[in-house]
N, C-alpha and C. Protein backbone atom coordinates (compact mmCIF):
# COMPACT_ATOMS: atom_id res chain seq x y z
N ILE A 1 85.58 99.06 108.58
CA ILE A 1 85.35 98.14 109.68
C ILE A 1 86.45 98.29 110.73
N LEU A 2 87.69 98.49 110.28
CA LEU A 2 88.79 98.68 111.23
C LEU A 2 88.58 99.92 112.08
N THR A 3 88.03 100.97 111.49
CA THR A 3 87.81 102.20 112.26
C THR A 3 86.73 102.02 113.32
N GLN A 4 85.93 100.98 113.20
CA GLN A 4 84.89 100.70 114.19
C GLN A 4 85.38 99.75 115.28
N LYS A 5 86.70 99.57 115.34
CA LYS A 5 87.33 98.74 116.37
C LYS A 5 87.01 97.25 116.25
N ALA A 6 86.84 96.78 115.03
CA ALA A 6 86.63 95.34 114.82
C ALA A 6 87.91 94.61 115.23
N SER A 7 87.77 93.46 115.86
CA SER A 7 88.93 92.67 116.27
C SER A 7 89.53 91.99 115.05
N ILE A 8 90.76 92.32 114.74
CA ILE A 8 91.39 91.79 113.53
C ILE A 8 92.03 90.43 113.73
N ASN A 9 92.09 89.97 114.97
CA ASN A 9 92.79 88.71 115.23
C ASN A 9 91.86 87.53 115.51
N ILE A 10 90.57 87.72 115.34
CA ILE A 10 89.65 86.59 115.52
C ILE A 10 89.92 85.58 114.41
N GLN A 11 89.99 84.31 114.81
CA GLN A 11 90.26 83.24 113.86
C GLN A 11 89.02 82.38 113.67
N GLU A 12 88.80 81.97 112.42
CA GLU A 12 87.69 81.06 112.15
C GLU A 12 88.15 79.63 112.43
N GLU A 13 87.33 78.65 112.13
CA GLU A 13 87.61 77.27 112.56
C GLU A 13 88.91 76.68 112.01
N LYS A 14 89.38 77.14 110.84
CA LYS A 14 90.66 76.66 110.30
C LYS A 14 91.85 77.40 110.92
N GLY A 15 91.56 78.41 111.73
CA GLY A 15 92.63 79.18 112.35
C GLY A 15 93.04 80.39 111.53
N PHE A 16 92.28 80.72 110.50
CA PHE A 16 92.60 81.87 109.65
C PHE A 16 91.99 83.14 110.23
N SER A 17 92.78 84.21 110.18
CA SER A 17 92.32 85.54 110.59
C SER A 17 92.14 86.39 109.33
N ALA A 18 91.77 87.64 109.54
CA ALA A 18 91.63 88.57 108.41
C ALA A 18 92.96 88.68 107.65
N LEU A 19 94.07 88.64 108.37
CA LEU A 19 95.38 88.74 107.73
C LEU A 19 95.62 87.58 106.76
N HIS A 20 95.26 86.38 107.17
CA HIS A 20 95.41 85.22 106.27
C HIS A 20 94.62 85.44 104.97
N TYR A 21 93.38 85.89 105.11
CA TYR A 21 92.55 86.09 103.92
C TYR A 21 93.07 87.23 103.04
N ALA A 22 93.59 88.27 103.66
CA ALA A 22 94.17 89.37 102.88
C ALA A 22 95.38 88.90 102.09
N ILE A 23 96.19 88.03 102.70
CA ILE A 23 97.36 87.48 102.01
C ILE A 23 96.92 86.60 100.85
N GLU A 24 95.95 85.72 101.09
CA GLU A 24 95.47 84.84 100.01
C GLU A 24 94.89 85.64 98.85
N ALA A 25 94.31 86.81 99.15
CA ALA A 25 93.73 87.66 98.11
C ALA A 25 94.78 88.55 97.45
N ASN A 26 96.04 88.44 97.90
CA ASN A 26 97.13 89.26 97.37
C ASN A 26 96.82 90.76 97.52
N ALA A 27 96.20 91.11 98.64
CA ALA A 27 95.78 92.49 98.91
C ALA A 27 96.85 93.17 99.77
N LEU A 28 97.94 93.58 99.13
CA LEU A 28 99.08 94.14 99.85
C LEU A 28 98.69 95.33 100.71
N LYS A 29 97.90 96.26 100.19
CA LYS A 29 97.50 97.44 100.97
C LYS A 29 96.75 97.04 102.23
N LEU A 30 95.87 96.06 102.10
CA LEU A 30 95.12 95.59 103.26
C LEU A 30 96.05 94.87 104.24
N VAL A 31 96.98 94.08 103.74
CA VAL A 31 97.95 93.41 104.61
C VAL A 31 98.72 94.45 105.41
N LEU A 32 99.21 95.49 104.74
CA LEU A 32 99.96 96.54 105.42
C LEU A 32 99.11 97.25 106.46
N GLU A 33 97.85 97.50 106.15
CA GLU A 33 96.93 98.15 107.10
C GLU A 33 96.69 97.25 108.31
N LEU A 34 96.49 95.97 108.08
CA LEU A 34 96.28 95.04 109.19
C LEU A 34 97.53 94.94 110.06
N LEU A 35 98.71 94.91 109.43
CA LEU A 35 99.96 94.87 110.20
C LEU A 35 100.13 96.14 111.02
N LYS A 36 99.77 97.28 110.43
CA LYS A 36 99.85 98.55 111.14
C LYS A 36 98.95 98.55 112.38
N ASN A 37 97.86 97.80 112.30
CA ASN A 37 96.91 97.70 113.41
C ASN A 37 97.17 96.48 114.29
N ASN A 38 98.41 95.99 114.25
CA ASN A 38 98.87 94.89 115.12
C ASN A 38 98.19 93.55 114.88
N ALA A 39 97.97 93.21 113.63
CA ALA A 39 97.46 91.88 113.31
C ALA A 39 98.47 90.84 113.80
N ASP A 40 97.98 89.73 114.29
CA ASP A 40 98.83 88.67 114.84
C ASP A 40 99.55 87.94 113.70
N VAL A 41 100.86 88.15 113.61
CA VAL A 41 101.66 87.51 112.55
C VAL A 41 102.10 86.11 112.94
N ASN A 42 101.72 85.67 114.13
CA ASN A 42 102.12 84.35 114.61
C ASN A 42 100.93 83.42 114.82
N ALA A 43 99.80 83.74 114.23
CA ALA A 43 98.61 82.91 114.36
C ALA A 43 98.86 81.53 113.75
N ARG A 44 98.07 80.56 114.17
CA ARG A 44 98.22 79.19 113.66
C ARG A 44 98.31 79.19 112.13
N ASN A 45 99.16 78.31 111.59
CA ASN A 45 99.47 78.36 110.15
C ASN A 45 99.76 79.80 109.79
N THR A 46 100.86 80.27 110.28
CA THR A 46 101.18 81.69 110.28
C THR A 46 100.99 82.35 108.92
N PRO A 47 100.71 83.65 108.95
CA PRO A 47 100.62 84.39 107.70
C PRO A 47 101.87 84.24 106.83
N MET A 48 103.04 84.10 107.45
CA MET A 48 104.26 83.90 106.66
C MET A 48 104.19 82.58 105.90
N HIS A 49 103.63 81.55 106.51
CA HIS A 49 103.48 80.27 105.80
C HIS A 49 102.57 80.43 104.58
N ILE A 50 101.51 81.23 104.71
CA ILE A 50 100.61 81.48 103.57
C ILE A 50 101.37 82.25 102.48
N ALA A 51 102.12 83.29 102.88
CA ALA A 51 102.91 84.05 101.90
C ALA A 51 103.93 83.13 101.21
N LEU A 52 104.50 82.20 101.96
CA LEU A 52 105.44 81.23 101.37
C LEU A 52 104.76 80.36 100.32
N GLN A 53 103.59 79.83 100.66
CA GLN A 53 102.86 78.98 99.71
C GLN A 53 102.59 79.71 98.42
N LEU A 54 102.30 81.01 98.54
CA LEU A 54 101.99 81.82 97.36
C LEU A 54 103.25 82.42 96.73
N ASN A 55 104.41 82.20 97.39
CA ASN A 55 105.68 82.76 96.93
C ASN A 55 105.58 84.27 96.74
N ASN A 56 104.94 84.94 97.70
CA ASN A 56 104.67 86.37 97.61
C ASN A 56 105.65 87.16 98.47
N ILE A 57 106.71 87.61 97.86
CA ILE A 57 107.77 88.35 98.56
C ILE A 57 107.27 89.69 99.06
N GLU A 58 106.45 90.37 98.26
CA GLU A 58 105.96 91.69 98.64
C GLU A 58 105.17 91.64 99.94
N ILE A 59 104.49 90.55 100.18
CA ILE A 59 103.75 90.38 101.44
C ILE A 59 104.66 89.76 102.51
N GLY A 60 105.57 88.90 102.12
CA GLY A 60 106.47 88.28 103.09
C GLY A 60 107.38 89.27 103.79
N ARG A 61 107.87 90.27 103.06
CA ARG A 61 108.79 91.24 103.66
C ARG A 61 108.18 92.00 104.84
N PRO A 62 106.99 92.62 104.67
CA PRO A 62 106.45 93.35 105.83
C PRO A 62 106.08 92.45 107.00
N ILE A 63 105.72 91.21 106.72
CA ILE A 63 105.45 90.28 107.82
C ILE A 63 106.75 90.02 108.58
N ARG A 64 107.83 89.76 107.84
CA ARG A 64 109.12 89.52 108.48
C ARG A 64 109.58 90.73 109.29
N LYS A 65 109.28 91.92 108.81
CA LYS A 65 109.72 93.14 109.49
C LYS A 65 108.89 93.47 110.73
N SER A 66 107.76 92.82 110.89
CA SER A 66 106.93 93.07 112.07
C SER A 66 107.73 92.73 113.32
N ARG A 67 107.67 93.60 114.30
CA ARG A 67 108.43 93.35 115.53
C ARG A 67 107.92 92.13 116.28
N TYR A 68 106.73 91.67 115.94
CA TYR A 68 106.14 90.51 116.61
C TYR A 68 106.41 89.19 115.87
N PHE A 69 106.98 89.27 114.68
CA PHE A 69 107.19 88.06 113.88
C PHE A 69 108.11 87.07 114.59
N ASN A 70 107.66 85.83 114.70
CA ASN A 70 108.44 84.76 115.30
C ASN A 70 108.65 83.68 114.25
N PRO A 71 109.85 83.61 113.67
CA PRO A 71 110.09 82.67 112.57
C PRO A 71 110.15 81.21 113.00
N THR A 72 110.14 80.94 114.31
CA THR A 72 110.28 79.56 114.77
C THR A 72 108.95 78.86 115.01
N ILE A 73 107.84 79.57 114.86
CA ILE A 73 106.53 78.94 115.08
C ILE A 73 106.29 77.89 113.99
N LEU A 74 105.81 76.74 114.41
CA LEU A 74 105.55 75.64 113.48
C LEU A 74 104.11 75.70 112.97
N ASN A 75 103.94 75.36 111.70
CA ASN A 75 102.59 75.30 111.12
C ASN A 75 101.95 73.95 111.47
N SER A 76 100.78 73.68 110.92
CA SER A 76 100.07 72.44 111.25
C SER A 76 100.82 71.19 110.78
N GLU A 77 101.74 71.34 109.82
CA GLU A 77 102.56 70.21 109.37
C GLU A 77 103.81 70.05 110.22
N GLY A 78 104.04 70.97 111.17
CA GLY A 78 105.21 70.89 112.03
C GLY A 78 106.44 71.54 111.46
N ASP A 79 106.28 72.46 110.50
CA ASP A 79 107.41 73.13 109.86
C ASP A 79 107.48 74.60 110.25
N SER A 80 108.69 75.10 110.50
CA SER A 80 108.89 76.53 110.67
C SER A 80 108.83 77.18 109.29
N ALA A 81 108.77 78.51 109.27
CA ALA A 81 108.75 79.21 107.98
C ALA A 81 110.02 78.91 107.19
N LEU A 82 111.15 78.87 107.87
CA LEU A 82 112.42 78.60 107.19
C LEU A 82 112.44 77.19 106.59
N ILE A 83 111.98 76.21 107.35
CA ILE A 83 111.92 74.84 106.83
C ILE A 83 110.96 74.76 105.64
N SER A 84 109.82 75.43 105.74
CA SER A 84 108.86 75.44 104.63
C SER A 84 109.49 76.03 103.38
N ALA A 85 110.23 77.13 103.53
CA ALA A 85 110.87 77.77 102.37
C ALA A 85 111.87 76.83 101.72
N VAL A 86 112.65 76.12 102.53
CA VAL A 86 113.64 75.18 101.98
C VAL A 86 112.93 74.01 101.30
N LYS A 87 111.95 73.41 101.98
CA LYS A 87 111.26 72.24 101.44
C LYS A 87 110.54 72.55 100.13
N GLN A 88 110.00 73.79 100.02
CA GLN A 88 109.25 74.17 98.83
C GLN A 88 110.13 74.83 97.78
N SER A 89 111.44 74.91 98.04
CA SER A 89 112.40 75.55 97.12
C SER A 89 111.98 76.97 96.76
N LYS A 90 111.51 77.72 97.74
CA LYS A 90 111.12 79.12 97.55
C LYS A 90 112.35 79.98 97.85
N ILE A 91 113.26 80.06 96.89
CA ILE A 91 114.56 80.69 97.08
C ILE A 91 114.45 82.16 97.47
N LYS A 92 113.61 82.92 96.78
CA LYS A 92 113.49 84.35 97.10
C LYS A 92 112.91 84.55 98.50
N MET A 93 111.94 83.73 98.87
CA MET A 93 111.37 83.82 100.21
C MET A 93 112.40 83.36 101.24
N LEU A 94 113.23 82.42 100.87
CA LEU A 94 114.30 81.97 101.76
C LEU A 94 115.24 83.13 102.07
N HIS A 95 115.57 83.92 101.05
CA HIS A 95 116.43 85.09 101.26
C HIS A 95 115.77 86.08 102.21
N VAL A 96 114.46 86.27 102.08
CA VAL A 96 113.73 87.17 102.97
C VAL A 96 113.88 86.70 104.42
N LEU A 97 113.76 85.41 104.63
CA LEU A 97 113.86 84.86 105.98
C LEU A 97 115.29 84.85 106.52
N LEU A 98 116.26 84.67 105.64
CA LEU A 98 117.65 84.58 106.08
C LEU A 98 118.21 85.92 106.54
N ILE A 99 117.62 87.03 106.12
CA ILE A 99 118.14 88.33 106.55
C ILE A 99 117.54 88.80 107.87
N SER A 100 116.72 87.96 108.48
CA SER A 100 116.16 88.31 109.79
C SER A 100 116.73 87.37 110.84
N PRO A 101 116.71 87.79 112.10
CA PRO A 101 117.15 86.87 113.15
C PRO A 101 116.32 85.60 113.10
N ASN A 102 116.96 84.48 113.18
CA ASN A 102 116.26 83.22 113.00
C ASN A 102 117.00 82.13 113.78
N ASP A 103 116.31 81.09 114.11
CA ASP A 103 116.94 79.92 114.73
C ASP A 103 117.18 78.92 113.60
N TYR A 104 118.38 78.92 113.08
CA TYR A 104 118.70 78.09 111.92
C TYR A 104 118.77 76.60 112.28
N ASN A 105 118.73 76.30 113.56
CA ASN A 105 118.76 74.91 114.01
C ASN A 105 117.41 74.45 114.53
N LYS A 106 116.37 75.25 114.33
CA LYS A 106 115.03 74.86 114.79
C LYS A 106 114.63 73.58 114.07
N GLN A 107 114.23 72.59 114.85
CA GLN A 107 113.87 71.29 114.28
C GLN A 107 112.37 71.19 114.05
N ASP A 108 112.01 70.41 113.04
CA ASP A 108 110.60 70.14 112.79
C ASP A 108 110.17 68.95 113.65
N LYS A 109 108.95 68.47 113.45
CA LYS A 109 108.45 67.37 114.28
C LYS A 109 109.22 66.07 114.09
N GLU A 110 109.99 65.97 113.00
CA GLU A 110 110.81 64.78 112.75
C GLU A 110 112.25 64.96 113.23
N GLY A 111 112.54 66.13 113.80
CA GLY A 111 113.89 66.40 114.29
C GLY A 111 114.83 66.95 113.24
N LYS A 112 114.32 67.26 112.05
CA LYS A 112 115.17 67.77 110.97
C LYS A 112 115.25 69.29 111.03
N THR A 113 116.40 69.81 110.62
CA THR A 113 116.63 71.25 110.56
C THR A 113 116.54 71.71 109.09
N PRO A 114 116.55 73.03 108.85
CA PRO A 114 116.57 73.50 107.46
C PRO A 114 117.73 72.92 106.66
N LEU A 115 118.88 72.74 107.31
CA LEU A 115 120.03 72.19 106.60
C LEU A 115 119.78 70.76 106.13
N HIS A 116 119.10 69.96 106.94
CA HIS A 116 118.76 68.59 106.51
C HIS A 116 117.98 68.63 105.19
N TYR A 117 117.00 69.52 105.11
CA TYR A 117 116.17 69.59 103.90
C TYR A 117 116.93 70.20 102.73
N ALA A 118 117.84 71.12 103.02
CA ALA A 118 118.63 71.74 101.94
C ALA A 118 119.54 70.72 101.27
N CYS A 119 119.98 69.74 102.04
CA CYS A 119 120.88 68.71 101.49
C CYS A 119 120.08 67.68 100.72
């Protein structure tokens, strides 16, 4: 389907794209192929947030390495990927996020930073 120029960034009513579904299916090869074809890593409820929920480091790493990845985008709950990792105690995913450029003072909708949640 990708070779037929299908649009990989179309989102259904929940805001999920093909990349979201590939992550939920734990289909690493498909995730890598979609990323290679410029899948939007910053779509609503970002793919990184889905990888965080699943605690899937193998999928989280290539998303983080994408030149388009924006770690400060908030999900529908108002949390950045870093805040989500701290709140969910996803330590390994937190390490993945900490080795990339990040806004460590990015506030959620309540004005809290990752440090507030870590404490």
